[in-house]
Amino acid sequence: MQRPGEMKKRKIKTENERSPKKKKTQQKFTTDVQKIGAWIQFRLMQRETGCSNSSLNKIADSFVIPMRIRRKADVLILKKSGAKALELNGCIGCHKFVWTPSNKSTRCPKCNGRRYHPDSKTPLERAFYFPIGAQLRKLLKLKSFRDLLLHEYKRTCNSKFMSDVFDSPVWQQIAGLPSSVLTRILLATLLCGRNP
């Protein structure tokens, strides 16, 4: 009880005591941002070294980067790069029908073959399609990327030696002679140890 003439002492709360939830959220957000940054660096390392997703996940486990953070960072990478992947399912009965992601039917309209295993929702045949138009549009906005595409024209070469694929007669027959203006993009696929 307060005596006459005495002022009641009030404890002045610090900002952290007033809003502990806010502080906790800020700390967690900073940690998540750091973990997303670390996962993006791991993905860059994977691209440079060619290590598998399994190996990369083991490394991330040792750094305690949760799977939800990895997924979030991967979505961010895909969004920034413009890359997309579509899963397509094929009919193993007639091999003449492909289900797109928007098609929800479970039977082939041509032969009535199944789309999924009878005991699960796993497709009997899966293929992944990577449309590259959006990704190329984003890349072509970068001056450094456009400069790389002009490598064939800008590089030093000796007409007496074939030092690059660009020097081969077959390449020149398919692609034509290089020019200082970007007029074409040729896409090549390299498969090591696999039949296309």
N, C-alpha and C. Protein backbone atom coordinates (compact mmCIF):
# COMPACT_ATOMS: atom_id res chain seq x y z
N MET A 1 0.83 -1.17 0.00
CA MET A 1 0.00 0.00 0.00
C MET A 1 0.88 1.24 0.00
N GLN A 2 0.41 2.24 -0.70
CA GLN A 2 1.19 3.46 -0.88
C GLN A 2 0.92 4.42 0.29
N ARG A 3 2.00 4.95 0.87
CA ARG A 3 1.87 5.93 1.96
C ARG A 3 1.61 7.31 1.37
N PRO A 4 0.98 8.17 2.14
CA PRO A 4 0.75 9.52 1.64
C PRO A 4 2.06 10.21 1.35
N GLY A 5 2.12 10.95 0.25
CA GLY A 5 3.32 11.69 -0.13
C GLY A 5 4.34 10.87 -0.91
N GLU A 6 4.15 9.57 -0.98
CA GLU A 6 5.09 8.74 -1.75
C GLU A 6 4.55 8.51 -3.15
N MET A 7 5.46 8.54 -4.05
CA MET A 7 5.04 8.24 -5.42
C MET A 7 5.19 6.75 -5.65
N LYS A 8 4.25 6.24 -6.34
CA LYS A 8 4.30 4.81 -6.66
C LYS A 8 5.42 4.58 -7.66
N LYS A 9 6.31 3.63 -7.34
CA LYS A 9 7.41 3.33 -8.24
C LYS A 9 6.91 2.38 -9.33
N ARG A 10 7.21 2.78 -10.54
CA ARG A 10 6.82 1.94 -11.67
C ARG A 10 8.08 1.42 -12.33
N LYS A 11 8.02 0.17 -12.63
CA LYS A 11 9.14 -0.39 -13.36
C LYS A 11 8.95 -0.03 -14.83
N ILE A 12 9.96 0.60 -15.38
CA ILE A 12 9.89 0.95 -16.79
C ILE A 12 10.41 -0.23 -17.59
N LYS A 13 9.55 -0.73 -18.47
CA LYS A 13 9.93 -1.90 -19.26
C LYS A 13 10.75 -1.47 -20.46
N THR A 14 11.72 -2.29 -20.72
CA THR A 14 12.50 -2.04 -21.93
C THR A 14 11.68 -2.47 -23.14
N GLU A 15 12.11 -2.06 -24.30
CA GLU A 15 11.37 -2.40 -25.52
C GLU A 15 11.28 -3.91 -25.71
N ASN A 16 12.35 -4.63 -25.36
CA ASN A 16 12.34 -6.09 -25.49
C ASN A 16 11.34 -6.74 -24.56
N GLU A 17 11.19 -6.18 -23.34
CA GLU A 17 10.24 -6.73 -22.39
C GLU A 17 8.80 -6.42 -22.82
N ARG A 18 8.60 -5.26 -23.46
CA ARG A 18 7.26 -4.88 -23.90
C ARG A 18 6.77 -5.75 -25.05
N SER A 19 7.65 -6.10 -25.95
CA SER A 19 7.20 -6.89 -27.11
C SER A 19 8.18 -8.03 -27.40
N PRO A 20 8.18 -9.05 -26.54
CA PRO A 20 9.11 -10.16 -26.76
C PRO A 20 8.84 -10.91 -28.06
N LYS A 21 7.56 -10.96 -28.47
CA LYS A 21 7.22 -11.67 -29.70
C LYS A 21 7.89 -11.00 -30.90
N LYS A 22 7.89 -9.68 -30.91
CA LYS A 22 8.48 -8.94 -32.01
C LYS A 22 9.97 -9.26 -32.13
N LYS A 23 10.65 -9.27 -30.99
CA LYS A 23 12.08 -9.55 -31.00
C LYS A 23 12.34 -10.96 -31.51
N LYS A 24 11.54 -11.92 -31.03
CA LYS A 24 11.71 -13.30 -31.43
C LYS A 24 11.50 -13.45 -32.94
N THR A 25 10.47 -12.80 -33.46
CA THR A 25 10.19 -12.86 -34.89
C THR A 25 11.34 -12.28 -35.69
N GLN A 26 11.89 -11.15 -35.23
CA GLN A 26 12.99 -10.53 -35.94
C GLN A 26 14.21 -11.44 -35.95
N GLN A 27 14.51 -12.06 -34.81
CA GLN A 27 15.66 -12.96 -34.75
C GLN A 27 15.46 -14.15 -35.67
N LYS A 28 14.25 -14.72 -35.65
CA LYS A 28 13.96 -15.87 -36.48
C LYS A 28 14.05 -15.49 -37.96
N PHE A 29 13.52 -14.33 -38.33
CA PHE A 29 13.56 -13.88 -39.72
C PHE A 29 15.00 -13.73 -40.19
N THR A 30 15.83 -13.13 -39.36
CA THR A 30 17.24 -12.96 -39.72
C THR A 30 17.90 -14.32 -39.90
N THR A 31 17.61 -15.25 -39.03
CA THR A 31 18.17 -16.59 -39.13
C THR A 31 17.70 -17.27 -40.41
N ASP A 32 16.41 -17.15 -40.72
CA ASP A 32 15.88 -17.75 -41.95
C ASP A 32 16.54 -17.15 -43.18
N VAL A 33 16.73 -15.84 -43.18
CA VAL A 33 17.38 -15.18 -44.32
C VAL A 33 18.80 -15.70 -44.48
N GLN A 34 19.50 -15.85 -43.37
CA GLN A 34 20.87 -16.37 -43.43
C GLN A 34 20.87 -17.81 -43.96
N LYS A 35 19.90 -18.60 -43.52
CA LYS A 35 19.83 -20.00 -43.97
C LYS A 35 19.46 -20.08 -45.45
N ILE A 36 18.58 -19.21 -45.92
CA ILE A 36 18.23 -19.17 -47.34
C ILE A 36 19.47 -18.80 -48.15
N GLY A 37 20.21 -17.80 -47.67
CA GLY A 37 21.45 -17.39 -48.33
C GLY A 37 22.46 -18.53 -48.39
N ALA A 38 22.57 -19.27 -47.29
CA ALA A 38 23.51 -20.41 -47.25
C ALA A 38 23.09 -21.48 -48.25
N TRP A 39 21.77 -21.77 -48.32
CA TRP A 39 21.29 -22.80 -49.24
C TRP A 39 21.54 -22.38 -50.69
N ILE A 40 21.36 -21.10 -51.00
CA ILE A 40 21.62 -20.61 -52.36
C ILE A 40 23.11 -20.78 -52.69
N GLN A 41 23.98 -20.51 -51.71
CA GLN A 41 25.42 -20.73 -51.92
C GLN A 41 25.72 -22.21 -52.15
N PHE A 42 25.02 -23.10 -51.42
CA PHE A 42 25.20 -24.54 -51.62
C PHE A 42 24.78 -24.94 -53.03
N ARG A 43 23.68 -24.36 -53.53
CA ARG A 43 23.22 -24.66 -54.89
C ARG A 43 24.26 -24.19 -55.92
N LEU A 44 24.87 -23.04 -55.69
CA LEU A 44 25.93 -22.57 -56.59
C LEU A 44 27.12 -23.53 -56.57
N MET A 45 27.47 -24.00 -55.36
CA MET A 45 28.56 -24.96 -55.22
C MET A 45 28.21 -26.26 -55.95
N GLN A 46 26.95 -26.67 -55.86
CA GLN A 46 26.51 -27.89 -56.55
C GLN A 46 26.66 -27.74 -58.06
N ARG A 47 26.31 -26.56 -58.57
CA ARG A 47 26.43 -26.33 -60.01
C ARG A 47 27.89 -26.39 -60.46
N GLU A 48 28.80 -25.86 -59.64
CA GLU A 48 30.22 -25.85 -59.99
C GLU A 48 30.87 -27.23 -59.86
N THR A 49 30.45 -28.00 -58.86
CA THR A 49 31.11 -29.28 -58.60
C THR A 49 30.39 -30.47 -59.18
N GLY A 50 29.09 -30.30 -59.47
CA GLY A 50 28.31 -31.42 -60.01
C GLY A 50 27.90 -32.43 -58.96
N CYS A 51 27.91 -32.06 -57.69
CA CYS A 51 27.52 -33.02 -56.65
C CYS A 51 26.00 -33.28 -56.72
N SER A 52 25.59 -34.42 -56.24
CA SER A 52 24.18 -34.83 -56.33
C SER A 52 23.33 -34.10 -55.29
N ASN A 53 22.00 -34.15 -55.49
CA ASN A 53 21.08 -33.57 -54.50
C ASN A 53 21.22 -34.27 -53.16
N SER A 54 21.44 -35.58 -53.19
CA SER A 54 21.60 -36.35 -51.96
C SER A 54 22.81 -35.85 -51.16
N SER A 55 23.93 -35.65 -51.84
CA SER A 55 25.13 -35.13 -51.16
C SER A 55 24.89 -33.73 -50.62
N LEU A 56 24.23 -32.90 -51.43
CA LEU A 56 23.96 -31.53 -51.01
C LEU A 56 23.06 -31.50 -49.78
N ASN A 57 22.07 -32.39 -49.74
CA ASN A 57 21.18 -32.45 -48.58
C ASN A 57 21.91 -32.91 -47.32
N LYS A 58 22.88 -33.80 -47.47
CA LYS A 58 23.68 -34.23 -46.31
C LYS A 58 24.51 -33.07 -45.77
N ILE A 59 25.06 -32.27 -46.67
CA ILE A 59 25.82 -31.08 -46.25
C ILE A 59 24.90 -30.12 -45.52
N ALA A 60 23.72 -29.88 -46.09
CA ALA A 60 22.76 -28.94 -45.48
C ALA A 60 22.29 -29.46 -44.12
N ASP A 61 22.13 -30.78 -43.98
CA ASP A 61 21.75 -31.36 -42.69
C ASP A 61 22.79 -31.05 -41.63
N SER A 62 24.07 -31.10 -42.01
CA SER A 62 25.13 -30.83 -41.04
C SER A 62 25.14 -29.35 -40.62
N PHE A 63 24.61 -28.48 -41.46
CA PHE A 63 24.51 -27.06 -41.13
C PHE A 63 23.14 -26.71 -40.53
N VAL A 64 22.31 -27.71 -40.33
CA VAL A 64 20.97 -27.57 -39.74
C VAL A 64 20.12 -26.56 -40.53
N ILE A 65 20.05 -26.79 -41.84
CA ILE A 65 19.16 -25.98 -42.67
C ILE A 65 17.90 -26.81 -42.90
N PRO A 66 16.76 -26.39 -42.32
CA PRO A 66 15.54 -27.20 -42.43
C PRO A 66 15.06 -27.35 -43.88
N MET A 67 14.34 -28.43 -44.13
CA MET A 67 13.84 -28.71 -45.48
C MET A 67 12.91 -27.61 -45.97
N ARG A 68 12.12 -27.00 -45.09
CA ARG A 68 11.20 -25.92 -45.52
C ARG A 68 11.98 -24.72 -46.05
N ILE A 69 13.15 -24.46 -45.46
CA ILE A 69 14.01 -23.35 -45.91
C ILE A 69 14.60 -23.69 -47.28
N ARG A 70 15.00 -24.96 -47.45
CA ARG A 70 15.57 -25.38 -48.73
C ARG A 70 14.55 -25.22 -49.85
N ARG A 71 13.31 -25.66 -49.56
CA ARG A 71 12.24 -25.54 -50.57
C ARG A 71 11.97 -24.07 -50.89
N LYS A 72 11.91 -23.25 -49.85
CA LYS A 72 11.66 -21.82 -50.03
C LYS A 72 12.75 -21.17 -50.89
N ALA A 73 14.00 -21.53 -50.62
CA ALA A 73 15.12 -20.98 -51.39
C ALA A 73 15.09 -21.48 -52.83
N ASP A 74 14.74 -22.76 -53.03
CA ASP A 74 14.66 -23.30 -54.39
C ASP A 74 13.57 -22.60 -55.20
N VAL A 75 12.43 -22.32 -54.55
CA VAL A 75 11.35 -21.59 -55.22
C VAL A 75 11.84 -20.19 -55.61
N LEU A 76 12.58 -19.56 -54.70
CA LEU A 76 13.14 -18.22 -54.96
C LEU A 76 14.11 -18.26 -56.15
N ILE A 77 14.96 -19.27 -56.19
CA ILE A 77 15.92 -19.43 -57.30
C ILE A 77 15.17 -19.59 -58.62
N LEU A 78 14.15 -20.47 -58.62
CA LEU A 78 13.38 -20.69 -59.84
C LEU A 78 12.66 -19.44 -60.29
N LYS A 79 12.10 -18.71 -59.33
CA LYS A 79 11.36 -17.48 -59.66
C LYS A 79 12.29 -16.44 -60.27
N LYS A 80 13.46 -16.27 -59.68
CA LYS A 80 14.42 -15.28 -60.17
C LYS A 80 14.99 -15.67 -61.53
N SER A 81 15.19 -16.96 -61.76
CA SER A 81 15.81 -17.40 -63.01
C SER A 81 14.81 -17.51 -64.15
N GLY A 82 13.52 -17.60 -63.82
CA GLY A 82 12.52 -17.77 -64.87
C GLY A 82 12.37 -19.22 -65.29
N ALA A 83 13.10 -20.13 -64.62
CA ALA A 83 13.04 -21.55 -64.99
C ALA A 83 11.74 -22.17 -64.50
N LYS A 84 11.24 -23.10 -65.30
CA LYS A 84 10.03 -23.83 -64.93
C LYS A 84 10.22 -25.29 -65.31
N ALA A 85 9.54 -26.14 -64.60
CA ALA A 85 9.55 -27.56 -64.95
C ALA A 85 8.12 -28.07 -64.86
N LEU A 86 7.68 -28.75 -65.89
CA LEU A 86 6.34 -29.32 -65.90
C LEU A 86 6.47 -30.83 -65.88
N GLU A 87 5.71 -31.47 -64.99
CA GLU A 87 5.70 -32.92 -64.97
C GLU A 87 4.58 -33.40 -65.89
N LEU A 88 4.92 -34.26 -66.82
CA LEU A 88 3.96 -34.85 -67.73
C LEU A 88 3.87 -36.34 -67.44
N ASN A 89 2.68 -36.92 -67.59
CA ASN A 89 2.50 -38.35 -67.40
C ASN A 89 2.07 -38.96 -68.73
N GLY A 90 2.70 -40.06 -69.10
CA GLY A 90 2.38 -40.72 -70.36
C GLY A 90 1.60 -41.99 -70.15
N CYS A 91 0.84 -42.39 -71.15
CA CYS A 91 0.08 -43.64 -71.10
C CYS A 91 1.00 -44.78 -71.48
N ILE A 92 1.10 -45.79 -70.62
CA ILE A 92 1.96 -46.94 -70.93
C ILE A 92 1.19 -48.01 -71.70
N GLY A 93 -0.12 -47.79 -71.88
CA GLY A 93 -0.93 -48.74 -72.64
C GLY A 93 -0.75 -48.57 -74.14
N CYS A 94 -0.95 -47.35 -74.63
CA CYS A 94 -0.87 -47.10 -76.07
C CYS A 94 0.31 -46.23 -76.48
N HIS A 95 0.94 -45.55 -75.51
CA HIS A 95 2.05 -44.62 -75.77
C HIS A 95 1.67 -43.52 -76.77
N LYS A 96 0.38 -43.14 -76.76
CA LYS A 96 -0.10 -42.12 -77.69
C LYS A 96 -0.79 -40.96 -76.99
N PHE A 97 -0.73 -40.94 -75.65
CA PHE A 97 -1.40 -39.86 -74.92
C PHE A 97 -0.52 -39.38 -73.78
N VAL A 98 -0.52 -38.06 -73.57
CA VAL A 98 0.26 -37.46 -72.48
C VAL A 98 -0.67 -36.57 -71.65
N TRP A 99 -0.65 -36.79 -70.33
CA TRP A 99 -1.43 -35.94 -69.42
C TRP A 99 -0.60 -34.72 -69.05
N THR A 100 -1.18 -33.55 -69.18
CA THR A 100 -0.54 -32.31 -68.74
C THR A 100 -0.89 -32.09 -67.27
N PRO A 101 -0.19 -31.17 -66.57
CA PRO A 101 -0.49 -30.95 -65.15
C PRO A 101 -1.94 -30.54 -64.88
N SER A 102 -2.57 -29.84 -65.83
CA SER A 102 -3.96 -29.39 -65.60
C SER A 102 -4.99 -30.49 -65.84
N ASN A 103 -4.60 -31.57 -66.51
CA ASN A 103 -5.52 -32.66 -66.81
C ASN A 103 -5.64 -33.57 -65.59
N LYS A 104 -6.83 -33.67 -65.03
CA LYS A 104 -7.03 -34.45 -63.80
C LYS A 104 -7.55 -35.87 -64.06
N SER A 105 -7.78 -36.23 -65.31
CA SER A 105 -8.32 -37.56 -65.60
C SER A 105 -7.31 -38.64 -65.22
N THR A 106 -7.81 -39.83 -64.93
CA THR A 106 -6.96 -40.93 -64.50
C THR A 106 -6.90 -42.05 -65.53
N ARG A 107 -7.71 -41.94 -66.59
CA ARG A 107 -7.73 -42.95 -67.65
C ARG A 107 -7.41 -42.32 -69.00
N CYS A 108 -6.70 -43.06 -69.83
CA CYS A 108 -6.32 -42.59 -71.17
C CYS A 108 -7.57 -42.55 -72.06
N PRO A 109 -7.84 -41.44 -72.75
CA PRO A 109 -9.01 -41.37 -73.63
C PRO A 109 -8.86 -42.22 -74.89
N LYS A 110 -7.65 -42.67 -75.21
CA LYS A 110 -7.43 -43.46 -76.43
C LYS A 110 -7.57 -44.97 -76.18
N CYS A 111 -7.01 -45.45 -75.04
CA CYS A 111 -7.03 -46.91 -74.79
C CYS A 111 -7.58 -47.29 -73.42
N ASN A 112 -8.00 -46.30 -72.64
CA ASN A 112 -8.52 -46.51 -71.28
C ASN A 112 -7.45 -47.04 -70.31
N GLY A 113 -6.17 -46.84 -70.64
CA GLY A 113 -5.08 -47.26 -69.76
C GLY A 113 -4.99 -46.38 -68.52
N ARG A 114 -4.41 -46.95 -67.46
CA ARG A 114 -4.29 -46.22 -66.19
C ARG A 114 -3.20 -45.17 -66.24
N ARG A 115 -3.43 -44.10 -65.51
CA ARG A 115 -2.41 -43.06 -65.34
C ARG A 115 -1.53 -43.38 -64.14
N TYR A 116 -2.14 -43.90 -63.06
CA TYR A 116 -1.45 -44.13 -61.79
C TYR A 116 -1.38 -45.61 -61.47
N HIS A 117 -0.43 -45.97 -60.60
CA HIS A 117 -0.37 -47.32 -60.05
C HIS A 117 -1.69 -47.58 -59.33
N PRO A 118 -2.20 -48.80 -59.39
CA PRO A 118 -3.50 -49.09 -58.76
C PRO A 118 -3.53 -48.84 -57.24
N ASP A 119 -2.40 -49.05 -56.57
CA ASP A 119 -2.38 -48.93 -55.11
C ASP A 119 -1.83 -47.59 -54.61
N SER A 120 -1.52 -46.66 -55.51
CA SER A 120 -0.99 -45.37 -55.06
C SER A 120 -1.31 -44.28 -56.08
N LYS A 121 -0.92 -43.08 -55.75
CA LYS A 121 -1.11 -41.94 -56.66
C LYS A 121 0.16 -41.66 -57.45
N THR A 122 1.04 -42.65 -57.57
CA THR A 122 2.28 -42.49 -58.31
C THR A 122 2.02 -42.76 -59.79
N PRO A 123 2.39 -41.82 -60.66
CA PRO A 123 2.17 -42.05 -62.11
C PRO A 123 2.97 -43.25 -62.62
N LEU A 124 2.40 -43.96 -63.56
CA LEU A 124 3.10 -45.11 -64.15
C LEU A 124 4.25 -44.65 -65.04
N GLU A 125 4.11 -43.49 -65.68
CA GLU A 125 5.18 -42.95 -66.50
C GLU A 125 5.27 -41.45 -66.26
N ARG A 126 6.49 -40.98 -65.99
CA ARG A 126 6.70 -39.55 -65.72
C ARG A 126 7.77 -39.02 -66.65
N ALA A 127 7.57 -37.79 -67.10
CA ALA A 127 8.58 -37.08 -67.88
C ALA A 127 8.55 -35.63 -67.45
N PHE A 128 9.69 -34.97 -67.53
CA PHE A 128 9.75 -33.57 -67.14
C PHE A 128 10.10 -32.72 -68.34
N TYR A 129 9.34 -31.65 -68.50
CA TYR A 129 9.49 -30.75 -69.63
C TYR A 129 9.96 -29.41 -69.08
N PHE A 130 11.01 -28.87 -69.64
CA PHE A 130 11.58 -27.61 -69.18
C PHE A 130 11.45 -26.55 -70.27
N PRO A 131 10.35 -25.78 -70.28
CA PRO A 131 10.24 -24.70 -71.26
C PRO A 131 11.27 -23.62 -70.93
N ILE A 132 12.04 -23.18 -71.91
CA ILE A 132 13.14 -22.27 -71.63
C ILE A 132 12.91 -20.84 -72.11
N GLY A 133 11.76 -20.58 -72.71
CA GLY A 133 11.49 -19.24 -73.24
C GLY A 133 11.61 -18.15 -72.20
N ALA A 134 10.96 -18.32 -71.06
CA ALA A 134 10.98 -17.30 -70.00
C ALA A 134 12.39 -17.11 -69.45
N GLN A 135 13.11 -18.21 -69.32
CA GLN A 135 14.48 -18.14 -68.80
C GLN A 135 15.39 -17.40 -69.78
N LEU A 136 15.25 -17.69 -71.07
CA LEU A 136 16.07 -17.00 -72.07
C LEU A 136 15.75 -15.50 -72.11
N ARG A 137 14.47 -15.14 -71.98
CA ARG A 137 14.09 -13.72 -71.96
C ARG A 137 14.80 -12.99 -70.83
N LYS A 138 14.83 -13.61 -69.64
CA LYS A 138 15.50 -12.98 -68.49
C LYS A 138 17.00 -12.89 -68.72
N LEU A 139 17.58 -13.97 -69.26
CA LEU A 139 19.02 -13.97 -69.50
C LEU A 139 19.43 -12.94 -70.55
N LEU A 140 18.61 -12.78 -71.59
CA LEU A 140 18.95 -11.84 -72.66
C LEU A 140 18.91 -10.39 -72.22
N LYS A 141 18.30 -10.12 -71.07
CA LYS A 141 18.30 -8.75 -70.52
C LYS A 141 19.65 -8.40 -69.90
N LEU A 142 20.47 -9.44 -69.64
CA LEU A 142 21.77 -9.21 -69.01
C LEU A 142 22.85 -8.99 -70.07
N LYS A 143 23.53 -7.87 -69.98
CA LYS A 143 24.58 -7.54 -70.95
C LYS A 143 25.70 -8.60 -70.92
N SER A 144 26.04 -9.06 -69.73
CA SER A 144 27.12 -10.06 -69.61
C SER A 144 26.75 -11.36 -70.35
N PHE A 145 25.48 -11.73 -70.31
CA PHE A 145 25.03 -12.94 -71.01
C PHE A 145 25.08 -12.71 -72.53
N ARG A 146 24.62 -11.56 -72.98
CA ARG A 146 24.67 -11.25 -74.41
C ARG A 146 26.12 -11.25 -74.92
N ASP A 147 27.04 -10.74 -74.10
CA ASP A 147 28.46 -10.76 -74.47
C ASP A 147 28.98 -12.20 -74.60
N LEU A 148 28.54 -13.07 -73.72
CA LEU A 148 28.96 -14.47 -73.79
C LEU A 148 28.46 -15.13 -75.09
N LEU A 149 27.27 -14.74 -75.51
CA LEU A 149 26.73 -15.32 -76.75
C LEU A 149 27.52 -14.87 -77.98
N LEU A 150 28.25 -13.79 -77.86
CA LEU A 150 29.07 -13.30 -78.97
C LEU A 150 30.49 -13.86 -78.94
N HIS A 151 30.74 -14.81 -78.04
CA HIS A 151 32.08 -15.41 -77.91
C HIS A 151 32.59 -15.96 -79.24
N GLU A 152 31.70 -16.62 -79.98
CA GLU A 152 32.10 -17.22 -81.25
C GLU A 152 32.70 -16.17 -82.19
N TYR A 153 32.15 -14.97 -82.18
CA TYR A 153 32.63 -13.90 -83.06
C TYR A 153 33.87 -13.21 -82.48
N LYS A 154 33.87 -12.98 -81.16
CA LYS A 154 34.93 -12.19 -80.52
C LYS A 154 36.22 -12.96 -80.25
N ARG A 155 36.16 -14.27 -80.18
CA ARG A 155 37.34 -15.05 -79.79
C ARG A 155 38.44 -14.96 -80.83
N THR A 156 39.67 -15.16 -80.39
CA THR A 156 40.79 -15.18 -81.33
C THR A 156 40.89 -16.59 -81.91
N CYS A 157 41.17 -16.68 -83.18
CA CYS A 157 41.29 -18.01 -83.79
C CYS A 157 42.34 -17.98 -84.90
N ASN A 158 42.77 -19.16 -85.27
CA ASN A 158 43.77 -19.33 -86.31
C ASN A 158 43.14 -20.19 -87.40
N SER A 159 43.09 -19.70 -88.61
CA SER A 159 42.42 -20.41 -89.70
C SER A 159 43.10 -21.75 -90.03
N LYS A 160 44.35 -21.95 -89.56
CA LYS A 160 45.07 -23.18 -89.84
C LYS A 160 44.72 -24.32 -88.87
N PHE A 161 44.12 -23.96 -87.73
CA PHE A 161 43.82 -24.96 -86.71
C PHE A 161 42.33 -24.95 -86.35
N MET A 162 41.85 -26.13 -86.01
CA MET A 162 40.49 -26.23 -85.50
C MET A 162 40.60 -26.36 -83.98
N SER A 163 40.35 -25.28 -83.27
CA SER A 163 40.55 -25.27 -81.82
C SER A 163 39.24 -25.27 -81.03
N ASP A 164 38.14 -25.18 -81.73
CA ASP A 164 36.84 -25.13 -81.05
C ASP A 164 35.79 -25.70 -82.00
N VAL A 165 34.65 -26.07 -81.45
CA VAL A 165 33.56 -26.59 -82.28
C VAL A 165 33.15 -25.57 -83.33
N PHE A 166 33.33 -24.28 -83.04
CA PHE A 166 32.95 -23.23 -83.98
C PHE A 166 33.78 -23.28 -85.27
N ASP A 167 34.97 -23.91 -85.20
CA ASP A 167 35.86 -24.00 -86.37
C ASP A 167 35.49 -25.15 -87.30
N SER A 168 34.64 -26.04 -86.86
CA SER A 168 34.35 -27.22 -87.68
C SER A 168 33.44 -26.87 -88.85
N PRO A 169 33.64 -27.53 -89.98
CA PRO A 169 32.79 -27.27 -91.15
C PRO A 169 31.32 -27.59 -90.88
N VAL A 170 31.06 -28.62 -90.09
CA VAL A 170 29.66 -28.99 -89.78
C VAL A 170 28.97 -27.86 -89.01
N TRP A 171 29.67 -27.29 -88.02
CA TRP A 171 29.09 -26.18 -87.25
C TRP A 171 28.77 -25.01 -88.18
N GLN A 172 29.70 -24.67 -89.04
CA GLN A 172 29.50 -23.54 -89.93
C GLN A 172 28.38 -23.80 -90.94
N GLN A 173 28.21 -25.07 -91.30
CA GLN A 173 27.12 -25.44 -92.21
C GLN A 173 25.77 -25.29 -91.50
N ILE A 174 25.70 -25.70 -90.24
CA ILE A 174 24.45 -25.62 -89.48
C ILE A 174 24.17 -24.19 -89.04
N ALA A 175 25.17 -23.53 -88.45
CA ALA A 175 24.96 -22.23 -87.82
C ALA A 175 25.24 -21.04 -88.72
N GLY A 176 26.04 -21.26 -89.75
CA GLY A 176 26.45 -20.13 -90.58
C GLY A 176 27.64 -19.41 -89.95
N LEU A 177 28.10 -18.38 -90.63
CA LEU A 177 29.25 -17.63 -90.13
C LEU A 177 28.83 -16.71 -88.98
N PRO A 178 29.71 -16.54 -87.97
CA PRO A 178 29.36 -15.66 -86.85
C PRO A 178 29.35 -14.20 -87.28
N SER A 179 28.59 -13.40 -86.54
CA SER A 179 28.55 -11.96 -86.82
C SER A 179 28.63 -11.18 -85.51
N SER A 180 28.88 -9.87 -85.62
CA SER A 180 29.00 -9.02 -84.43
C SER A 180 27.63 -8.67 -83.84
N VAL A 181 26.58 -9.04 -84.54
CA VAL A 181 25.21 -8.78 -84.05
C VAL A 181 24.59 -10.12 -83.66
N LEU A 182 23.94 -10.13 -82.53
CA LEU A 182 23.32 -11.36 -82.04
C LEU A 182 22.06 -11.64 -82.85
N THR A 183 22.14 -12.62 -83.75
CA THR A 183 21.00 -12.94 -84.61
C THR A 183 20.49 -14.36 -84.41
N ARG A 184 21.23 -15.17 -83.67
CA ARG A 184 20.81 -16.56 -83.48
C ARG A 184 21.33 -17.11 -82.16
N ILE A 185 20.59 -18.08 -81.64
CA ILE A 185 21.02 -18.83 -80.46
C ILE A 185 20.86 -20.29 -80.82
N LEU A 186 21.91 -21.05 -80.70
CA LEU A 186 21.84 -22.49 -80.95
C LEU A 186 21.91 -23.20 -79.62
N LEU A 187 21.04 -24.15 -79.43
CA LEU A 187 21.02 -24.93 -78.20
C LEU A 187 21.57 -26.32 -78.49
N ALA A 188 22.48 -26.76 -77.66
CA ALA A 188 23.08 -28.09 -77.83
C ALA A 188 22.87 -28.89 -76.56
N THR A 189 22.78 -30.19 -76.71
CA THR A 189 22.63 -31.08 -75.57
C THR A 189 23.83 -32.00 -75.51
N LEU A 190 24.39 -32.15 -74.34
CA LEU A 190 25.52 -33.04 -74.16
C LEU A 190 25.10 -34.10 -73.15
N LEU A 191 25.11 -35.33 -73.57
CA LEU A 191 24.76 -36.44 -72.69
C LEU A 191 25.96 -37.35 -72.56
N CYS A 192 26.44 -37.52 -71.37
CA CYS A 192 27.61 -38.37 -71.13
C CYS A 192 27.13 -39.74 -70.61
N GLY A 193 27.39 -40.77 -71.38
CA GLY A 193 27.06 -42.11 -70.93
C GLY A 193 25.59 -42.47 -70.99
N ARG A 194 24.79 -41.66 -71.68
CA ARG A 194 23.36 -41.98 -71.78
C ARG A 194 22.93 -41.87 -73.23
N ASN A 195 21.98 -42.70 -73.59
CA ASN A 195 21.43 -42.60 -74.93
C ASN A 195 20.33 -41.55 -74.91
N PRO A 196 20.31 -40.66 -75.93
CA PRO A 196 19.25 -39.64 -75.95
C PRO A 196 17.88 -40.23 -76.24
